[in-house]
Amino acid sequence: MVQSAIEQVLADTKKANHWPEYMNQRMAAKYLGTSPGTLIKWEKADIGFPTIMIEGSKHYSKASLDQWMNEQQQKN
């Protein structure tokens, strides 16, 4: 029983860490549990949403998204 619980925690951890360091808009939206349209609204709202432009294409850093979300939680 304990072994089964440990194996489940390890499996869940592997799933949680499958996100790449940099994501496109669709992946970032999925990572945050929202839609690409919501990401666009957050970007336009000028609330400090972290976006990286690489050769004219938007990308999102997982670390920056995590930090931004933590900051939003602290504000509320």
PDB file of N, CA and C in Angstrom:
ATOM      1  N   MET A   1       0.826  -1.193   0.000  1.00  0.00           N
ATOM      2  CA  MET A   1       0.000   0.000   0.000  1.00  0.00           C
ATOM      3  C   MET A   1       0.871   1.258   0.000  1.00  0.00           C
ATOM      4  N   VAL A   2       1.865   1.323   0.846  1.00  0.00           N
ATOM      5  CA  VAL A   2       2.765   2.475   0.880  1.00  0.00           C
ATOM      6  C   VAL A   2       3.524   2.579  -0.441  1.00  0.00           C
ATOM      7  N   GLN A   3       3.993   1.451  -0.948  1.00  0.00           N
ATOM      8  CA  GLN A   3       4.723   1.440  -2.214  1.00  0.00           C
ATOM      9  C   GLN A   3       3.853   1.984  -3.344  1.00  0.00           C
ATOM     10  N   SER A   4       2.594   1.598  -3.344  1.00  0.00           N
ATOM     11  CA  SER A   4       1.658   2.075  -4.360  1.00  0.00           C
ATOM     12  C   SER A   4       1.486   3.591  -4.273  1.00  0.00           C
ATOM     13  N   ALA A   5       1.401   4.120  -3.071  1.00  0.00           N
ATOM     14  CA  ALA A   5       1.264   5.566  -2.880  1.00  0.00           C
ATOM     15  C   ALA A   5       2.513   6.293  -3.358  1.00  0.00           C
ATOM     16  N   ILE A   6       3.672   5.731  -3.079  1.00  0.00           N
ATOM     17  CA  ILE A   6       4.928   6.344  -3.512  1.00  0.00           C
ATOM     18  C   ILE A   6       5.002   6.356  -5.037  1.00  0.00           C
ATOM     19  N   GLU A   7       4.634   5.254  -5.657  1.00  0.00           N
ATOM     20  CA  GLU A   7       4.653   5.172  -7.110  1.00  0.00           C
ATOM     21  C   GLU A   7       3.696   6.188  -7.733  1.00  0.00           C
ATOM     22  N   GLN A   8       2.547   6.390  -7.105  1.00  0.00           N
ATOM     23  CA  GLN A   8       1.583   7.365  -7.611  1.00  0.00           C
ATOM     24  C   GLN A   8       2.127   8.783  -7.499  1.00  0.00           C
ATOM     25  N   VAL A   9       2.763   9.107  -6.390  1.00  0.00           N
ATOM     26  CA  VAL A   9       3.359  10.436  -6.220  1.00  0.00           C
ATOM     27  C   VAL A   9       4.442  10.664  -7.276  1.00  0.00           C
ATOM     28  N   LEU A  10       5.272   9.679  -7.518  1.00  0.00           N
ATOM     29  CA  LEU A  10       6.314   9.802  -8.535  1.00  0.00           C
ATOM     30  C   LEU A  10       5.713   9.996  -9.924  1.00  0.00           C
ATOM     31  N   ALA A  11       4.674   9.254 -10.239  1.00  0.00           N
ATOM     32  CA  ALA A  11       4.004   9.393 -11.537  1.00  0.00           C
ATOM     33  C   ALA A  11       3.389  10.778 -11.685  1.00  0.00           C
ATOM     34  N   ASP A  12       2.740  11.265 -10.624  1.00  0.00           N
ATOM     35  CA  ASP A  12       2.141  12.603 -10.660  1.00  0.00           C
ATOM     36  C   ASP A  12       3.209  13.677 -10.828  1.00  0.00           C
ATOM     37  N   THR A  13       4.348  13.506 -10.177  1.00  0.00           N
ATOM     38  CA  THR A  13       5.440  14.471 -10.287  1.00  0.00           C
ATOM     39  C   THR A  13       5.980  14.510 -11.709  1.00  0.00           C
ATOM     40  N   LYS A  14       6.133  13.356 -12.322  1.00  0.00           N
ATOM     41  CA  LYS A  14       6.605  13.311 -13.708  1.00  0.00           C
ATOM     42  C   LYS A  14       5.631  14.018 -14.634  1.00  0.00           C
ATOM     43  N   LYS A  15       4.327  13.816 -14.426  1.00  0.00           N
ATOM     44  CA  LYS A  15       3.319  14.487 -15.243  1.00  0.00           C
ATOM     45  C   LYS A  15       3.384  15.999 -15.044  1.00  0.00           C
ATOM     46  N   ALA A  16       3.555  16.436 -13.814  1.00  0.00           N
ATOM     47  CA  ALA A  16       3.587  17.869 -13.503  1.00  0.00           C
ATOM     48  C   ALA A  16       4.805  18.546 -14.105  1.00  0.00           C
ATOM     49  N   ASN A  17       5.871  17.809 -14.304  1.00  0.00           N
ATOM     50  CA  ASN A  17       7.109  18.395 -14.812  1.00  0.00           C
ATOM     51  C   ASN A  17       7.306  18.204 -16.305  1.00  0.00           C
ATOM     52  N   HIS A  18       6.264  17.837 -17.032  1.00  0.00           N
ATOM     53  CA  HIS A  18       6.418  17.601 -18.461  1.00  0.00           C
ATOM     54  C   HIS A  18       6.382  18.880 -19.297  1.00  0.00           C
ATOM     55  N   TRP A  19       6.150  20.008 -18.665  1.00  0.00           N
ATOM     56  CA  TRP A  19       6.062  21.267 -19.402  1.00  0.00           C
ATOM     57  C   TRP A  19       7.456  21.756 -19.772  1.00  0.00           C
ATOM     58  N   PRO A  20       7.630  22.212 -20.996  1.00  0.00           N
ATOM     59  CA  PRO A  20       8.944  22.723 -21.405  1.00  0.00           C
ATOM     60  C   PRO A  20       9.243  24.068 -20.747  1.00  0.00           C
ATOM     61  N   GLU A  21      10.504  24.460 -20.770  1.00  0.00           N
ATOM     62  CA  GLU A  21      10.911  25.724 -20.163  1.00  0.00           C
ATOM     63  C   GLU A  21      10.274  26.917 -20.877  1.00  0.00           C
ATOM     64  N   TYR A  22      10.130  26.820 -22.196  1.00  0.00           N
ATOM     65  CA  TYR A  22       9.485  27.876 -22.988  1.00  0.00           C
ATOM     66  C   TYR A  22       8.335  27.271 -23.770  1.00  0.00           C
ATOM     67  N   MET A  23       7.201  27.983 -23.799  1.00  0.00           N
ATOM     68  CA  MET A  23       5.990  27.469 -24.432  1.00  0.00           C
ATOM     69  C   MET A  23       5.415  28.472 -25.411  1.00  0.00           C
ATOM     70  N   ASN A  24       4.670  27.934 -26.383  1.00  0.00           N
ATOM     71  CA  ASN A  24       3.920  28.817 -27.261  1.00  0.00           C
ATOM     72  C   ASN A  24       2.623  29.205 -26.546  1.00  0.00           C
ATOM     73  N   GLN A  25       1.828  30.030 -27.193  1.00  0.00           N
ATOM     74  CA  GLN A  25       0.626  30.557 -26.547  1.00  0.00           C
ATOM     75  C   GLN A  25      -0.364  29.456 -26.159  1.00  0.00           C
ATOM     76  N   ARG A  26      -0.588  28.518 -27.027  1.00  0.00           N
ATOM     77  CA  ARG A  26      -1.543  27.445 -26.748  1.00  0.00           C
ATOM     78  C   ARG A  26      -1.088  26.594 -25.558  1.00  0.00           C
ATOM     79  N   MET A  27       0.204  26.259 -25.537  1.00  0.00           N
ATOM     80  CA  MET A  27       0.728  25.457 -24.431  1.00  0.00           C
ATOM     81  C   MET A  27       0.680  26.232 -23.123  1.00  0.00           C
ATOM     82  N   ALA A  28       1.026  27.520 -23.174  1.00  0.00           N
ATOM     83  CA  ALA A  28       1.005  28.349 -21.963  1.00  0.00           C
ATOM     84  C   ALA A  28      -0.412  28.453 -21.410  1.00  0.00           C
ATOM     85  N   ALA A  29      -1.384  28.601 -22.303  1.00  0.00           N
ATOM     86  CA  ALA A  29      -2.781  28.673 -21.864  1.00  0.00           C
ATOM     87  C   ALA A  29      -3.190  27.372 -21.191  1.00  0.00           C
ATOM     88  N   LYS A  30      -2.812  26.265 -21.790  1.00  0.00           N
ATOM     89  CA  LYS A  30      -3.143  24.964 -21.198  1.00  0.00           C
ATOM     90  C   LYS A  30      -2.445  24.799 -19.853  1.00  0.00           C
ATOM     91  N   TYR A  31      -1.193  25.209 -19.776  1.00  0.00           N
ATOM     92  CA  TYR A  31      -0.432  25.127 -18.524  1.00  0.00           C
ATOM     93  C   TYR A  31      -1.125  25.911 -17.410  1.00  0.00           C
ATOM     94  N   LEU A  32      -1.652  27.082 -17.755  1.00  0.00           N
ATOM     95  CA  LEU A  32      -2.309  27.936 -16.766  1.00  0.00           C
ATOM     96  C   LEU A  32      -3.782  27.583 -16.566  1.00  0.00           C
ATOM     97  N   GLY A  33      -4.293  26.681 -17.375  1.00  0.00           N
ATOM     98  CA  GLY A  33      -5.687  26.274 -17.237  1.00  0.00           C
ATOM     99  C   GLY A  33      -6.663  27.308 -17.751  1.00  0.00           C
ATOM    100  N   THR A  34      -6.273  28.002 -18.814  1.00  0.00           N
ATOM    101  CA  THR A  34      -7.124  29.035 -19.382  1.00  0.00           C
ATOM    102  C   THR A  34      -7.095  28.932 -20.897  1.00  0.00           C
ATOM    103  N   SER A  35      -7.641  29.908 -21.583  1.00  0.00           N
ATOM    104  CA  SER A  35      -7.669  29.879 -23.043  1.00  0.00           C
ATOM    105  C   SER A  35      -6.624  30.833 -23.622  1.00  0.00           C
ATOM    106  N   PRO A  36      -6.225  30.607 -24.881  1.00  0.00           N
ATOM    107  CA  PRO A  36      -5.317  31.563 -25.527  1.00  0.00           C
ATOM    108  C   PRO A  36      -5.906  32.974 -25.563  1.00  0.00           C
ATOM    109  N   GLY A  37      -7.222  33.065 -25.701  1.00  0.00           N
ATOM    110  CA  GLY A  37      -7.873  34.371 -25.703  1.00  0.00           C
ATOM    111  C   GLY A  37      -7.683  35.120 -24.392  1.00  0.00           C
ATOM    112  N   THR A  38      -7.703  34.393 -23.285  1.00  0.00           N
ATOM    113  CA  THR A  38      -7.471  35.015 -21.982  1.00  0.00           C
ATOM    114  C   THR A  38      -6.037  35.521 -21.880  1.00  0.00           C
ATOM    115  N   LEU A  39      -5.085  34.768 -22.409  1.00  0.00           N
ATOM    116  CA  LEU A  39      -3.699  35.245 -22.398  1.00  0.00           C
ATOM    117  C   LEU A  39      -3.580  36.558 -23.158  1.00  0.00           C
ATOM    118  N   ILE A  40      -4.262  36.649 -24.289  1.00  0.00           N
ATOM    119  CA  ILE A  40      -4.223  37.879 -25.089  1.00  0.00           C
ATOM    120  C   ILE A  40      -4.815  39.037 -24.279  1.00  0.00           C
ATOM    121  N   LYS A  41      -5.919  38.797 -23.584  1.00  0.00           N
ATOM    122  CA  LYS A  41      -6.528  39.845 -22.745  1.00  0.00           C
ATOM    123  C   LYS A  41      -5.559  40.295 -21.658  1.00  0.00           C
ATOM    124  N   TRP A  42      -4.883  39.331 -21.011  1.00  0.00           N
ATOM    125  CA  TRP A  42      -3.933  39.685 -19.955  1.00  0.00           C
ATOM    126  C   TRP A  42      -2.779  40.501 -20.514  1.00  0.00           C
ATOM    127  N   GLU A  43      -2.321  40.152 -21.711  1.00  0.00           N
ATOM    128  CA  GLU A  43      -1.227  40.913 -22.337  1.00  0.00           C
ATOM    129  C   GLU A  43      -1.669  42.341 -22.639  1.00  0.00           C
ATOM    130  N   LYS A  44      -2.861  42.492 -23.180  1.00  0.00           N
ATOM    131  CA  LYS A  44      -3.376  43.821 -23.544  1.00  0.00           C
ATOM    132  C   LYS A  44      -3.719  44.653 -22.315  1.00  0.00           C
ATOM    133  N   ALA A  45      -4.009  44.012 -21.186  1.00  0.00           N
ATOM    134  CA  ALA A  45      -4.400  44.724 -19.967  1.00  0.00           C
ATOM    135  C   ALA A  45      -3.222  45.422 -19.303  1.00  0.00           C
ATOM    136  N   ASP A  46      -2.027  45.178 -19.795  1.00  0.00           N
ATOM    137  CA  ASP A  46      -0.818  45.816 -19.261  1.00  0.00           C
ATOM    138  C   ASP A  46      -0.708  45.599 -17.747  1.00  0.00           C
ATOM    139  N   ILE A  47      -0.810  44.327 -17.353  1.00  0.00           N
ATOM    140  CA  ILE A  47      -0.723  43.974 -15.938  1.00  0.00           C
ATOM    141  C   ILE A  47       0.558  43.195 -15.641  1.00  0.00           C
ATOM    142  N   GLY A  48       1.507  43.306 -16.536  1.00  0.00           N
ATOM    143  CA  GLY A  48       2.798  42.676 -16.306  1.00  0.00           C
ATOM    144  C   GLY A  48       2.866  41.212 -16.684  1.00  0.00           C
ATOM    145  N   PHE A  49       1.940  40.772 -17.560  1.00  0.00           N
ATOM    146  CA  PHE A  49       1.958  39.370 -17.968  1.00  0.00           C
ATOM    147  C   PHE A  49       3.219  39.100 -18.781  1.00  0.00           C
ATOM    148  N   PRO A  50       4.001  38.080 -18.392  1.00  0.00           N
ATOM    149  CA  PRO A  50       5.318  37.853 -18.996  1.00  0.00           C
ATOM    150  C   PRO A  50       5.259  37.206 -20.383  1.00  0.00           C
ATOM    151  N   THR A  51       5.633  37.976 -21.385  1.00  0.00           N
ATOM    152  CA  THR A  51       5.671  37.501 -22.761  1.00  0.00           C
ATOM    153  C   THR A  51       7.062  37.749 -23.335  1.00  0.00           C
ATOM    154  N   ILE A  52       7.556  36.796 -24.090  1.00  0.00           N
ATOM    155  CA  ILE A  52       8.858  36.926 -24.739  1.00  0.00           C
ATOM    156  C   ILE A  52       8.627  36.896 -26.249  1.00  0.00           C
ATOM    157  N   MET A  53       9.152  37.872 -26.949  1.00  0.00           N
ATOM    158  CA  MET A  53       9.052  37.879 -28.407  1.00  0.00           C
ATOM    159  C   MET A  53      10.358  37.342 -28.985  1.00  0.00           C
ATOM    160  N   ILE A  54      10.253  36.305 -29.788  1.00  0.00           N
ATOM    161  CA  ILE A  54      11.410  35.724 -30.461  1.00  0.00           C
ATOM    162  C   ILE A  54      11.096  35.688 -31.953  1.00  0.00           C
ATOM    163  N   GLU A  55      11.810  36.487 -32.699  1.00  0.00           N
ATOM    164  CA  GLU A  55      11.622  36.591 -34.150  1.00  0.00           C
ATOM    165  C   GLU A  55      10.152  36.802 -34.508  1.00  0.00           C
ATOM    166  N   GLY A  56       9.490  37.687 -33.794  1.00  0.00           N
ATOM    167  CA  GLY A  56       8.105  38.036 -34.065  1.00  0.00           C
ATOM    168  C   GLY A  56       7.077  37.045 -33.551  1.00  0.00           C
ATOM    169  N   SER A  57       7.507  36.057 -32.814  1.00  0.00           N
ATOM    170  CA  SER A  57       6.603  35.041 -32.288  1.00  0.00           C
ATOM    171  C   SER A  57       6.593  35.099 -30.760  1.00  0.00           C
ATOM    172  N   LYS A  58       5.395  35.046 -30.180  1.00  0.00           N
ATOM    173  CA  LYS A  58       5.271  35.109 -28.725  1.00  0.00           C
ATOM    174  C   LYS A  58       5.594  33.766 -28.090  1.00  0.00           C
ATOM    175  N   HIS A  59       6.344  33.838 -27.018  1.00  0.00           N
ATOM    176  CA  HIS A  59       6.665  32.658 -26.226  1.00  0.00           C
ATOM    177  C   HIS A  59       6.539  33.025 -24.756  1.00  0.00           C
ATOM    178  N   TYR A  60       6.444  32.002 -23.916  1.00  0.00           N
ATOM    179  CA  TYR A  60       6.220  32.199 -22.498  1.00  0.00           C
ATOM    180  C   TYR A  60       7.160  31.299 -21.718  1.00  0.00           C
ATOM    181  N   SER A  61       7.850  31.882 -20.761  1.00  0.00           N
ATOM    182  CA  SER A  61       8.760  31.138 -19.897  1.00  0.00           C
ATOM    183  C   SER A  61       7.960  30.515 -18.755  1.00  0.00           C
ATOM    184  N   LYS A  62       8.127  29.228 -18.541  1.00  0.00           N
ATOM    185  CA  LYS A  62       7.426  28.544 -17.455  1.00  0.00           C
ATOM    186  C   LYS A  62       7.752  29.202 -16.113  1.00  0.00           C
ATOM    187  N   ALA A  63       9.016  29.503 -15.889  1.00  0.00           N
ATOM    188  CA  ALA A  63       9.421  30.124 -14.615  1.00  0.00           C
ATOM    189  C   ALA A  63       8.752  31.492 -14.444  1.00  0.00           C
ATOM    190  N   SER A  64       8.690  32.275 -15.526  1.00  0.00           N
ATOM    191  CA  SER A  64       8.051  33.596 -15.443  1.00  0.00           C
ATOM    192  C   SER A  64       6.549  33.485 -15.222  1.00  0.00           C
ATOM    193  N   LEU A  65       5.933  32.498 -15.856  1.00  0.00           N
ATOM    194  CA  LEU A  65       4.496  32.291 -15.643  1.00  0.00           C
ATOM    195  C   LEU A  65       4.217  31.897 -14.195  1.00  0.00           C
ATOM    196  N   ASP A  66       5.036  31.005 -13.666  1.00  0.00           N
ATOM    197  CA  ASP A  66       4.867  30.595 -12.268  1.00  0.00           C
ATOM    198  C   ASP A  66       5.019  31.790 -11.331  1.00  0.00           C
ATOM    199  N   GLN A  67       6.035  32.603 -11.572  1.00  0.00           N
ATOM    200  CA  GLN A  67       6.273  33.774 -10.734  1.00  0.00           C
ATOM    201  C   GLN A  67       5.108  34.753 -10.834  1.00  0.00           C
ATOM    202  N   TRP A  68       4.628  34.999 -12.043  1.00  0.00           N
ATOM    203  CA  TRP A  68       3.528  35.937 -12.251  1.00  0.00           C
ATOM    204  C   TRP A  68       2.269  35.452 -11.539  1.00  0.00           C
ATOM    205  N   MET A  69       1.977  34.154 -11.655  1.00  0.00           N
ATOM    206  CA  MET A  69       0.795  33.609 -11.000  1.00  0.00           C
ATOM    207  C   MET A  69       0.910  33.731  -9.475  1.00  0.00           C
ATOM    208  N   ASN A  70       2.083  33.471  -8.944  1.00  0.00           N
ATOM    209  CA  ASN A  70       2.288  33.616  -7.489  1.00  0.00           C
ATOM    210  C   ASN A  70       2.075  35.064  -7.061  1.00  0.00           C
ATOM    211  N   GLU A  71       2.552  36.011  -7.870  1.00  0.00           N
ATOM    212  CA  GLU A  71       2.357  37.430  -7.552  1.00  0.00           C
ATOM    213  C   GLU A  71       0.875  37.790  -7.577  1.00  0.00           C
ATOM    214  N   GLN A  72       0.125  37.224  -8.513  1.00  0.00           N
ATOM    215  CA  GLN A  72      -1.313  37.513  -8.601  1.00  0.00           C
ATOM    216  C   GLN A  72      -2.050  36.957  -7.394  1.00  0.00           C
ATOM    217  N   GLN A  73      -1.629  35.784  -6.930  1.00  0.00           N
ATOM    218  CA  GLN A  73      -2.253  35.196  -5.739  1.00  0.00           C
ATOM    219  C   GLN A  73      -2.015  36.067  -4.512  1.00  0.00           C
ATOM    220  N   GLN A  74      -0.813  36.625  -4.404  1.00  0.00           N
ATOM    221  CA  GLN A  74      -0.482  37.445  -3.253  1.00  0.00           C
ATOM    222  C   GLN A  74      -1.259  38.758  -3.253  1.00  0.00           C
ATOM    223  N   LYS A  75      -1.613  39.254  -4.430  1.00  0.00           N
ATOM    224  CA  LYS A  75      -2.381  40.505  -4.529  1.00  0.00           C
ATOM    225  C   LYS A  75      -3.817  40.312  -4.078  1.00  0.00           C
ATOM    226  N   ASN A  76      -4.317  39.107  -4.224  1.00  0.00           N
ATOM    227  CA  ASN A  76      -5.739  38.855  -3.906  1.00  0.00           C
ATOM    228  C   ASN A  76      -5.898  38.321  -2.546  1.00  0.00           C
TER     229      ASN A  76
END
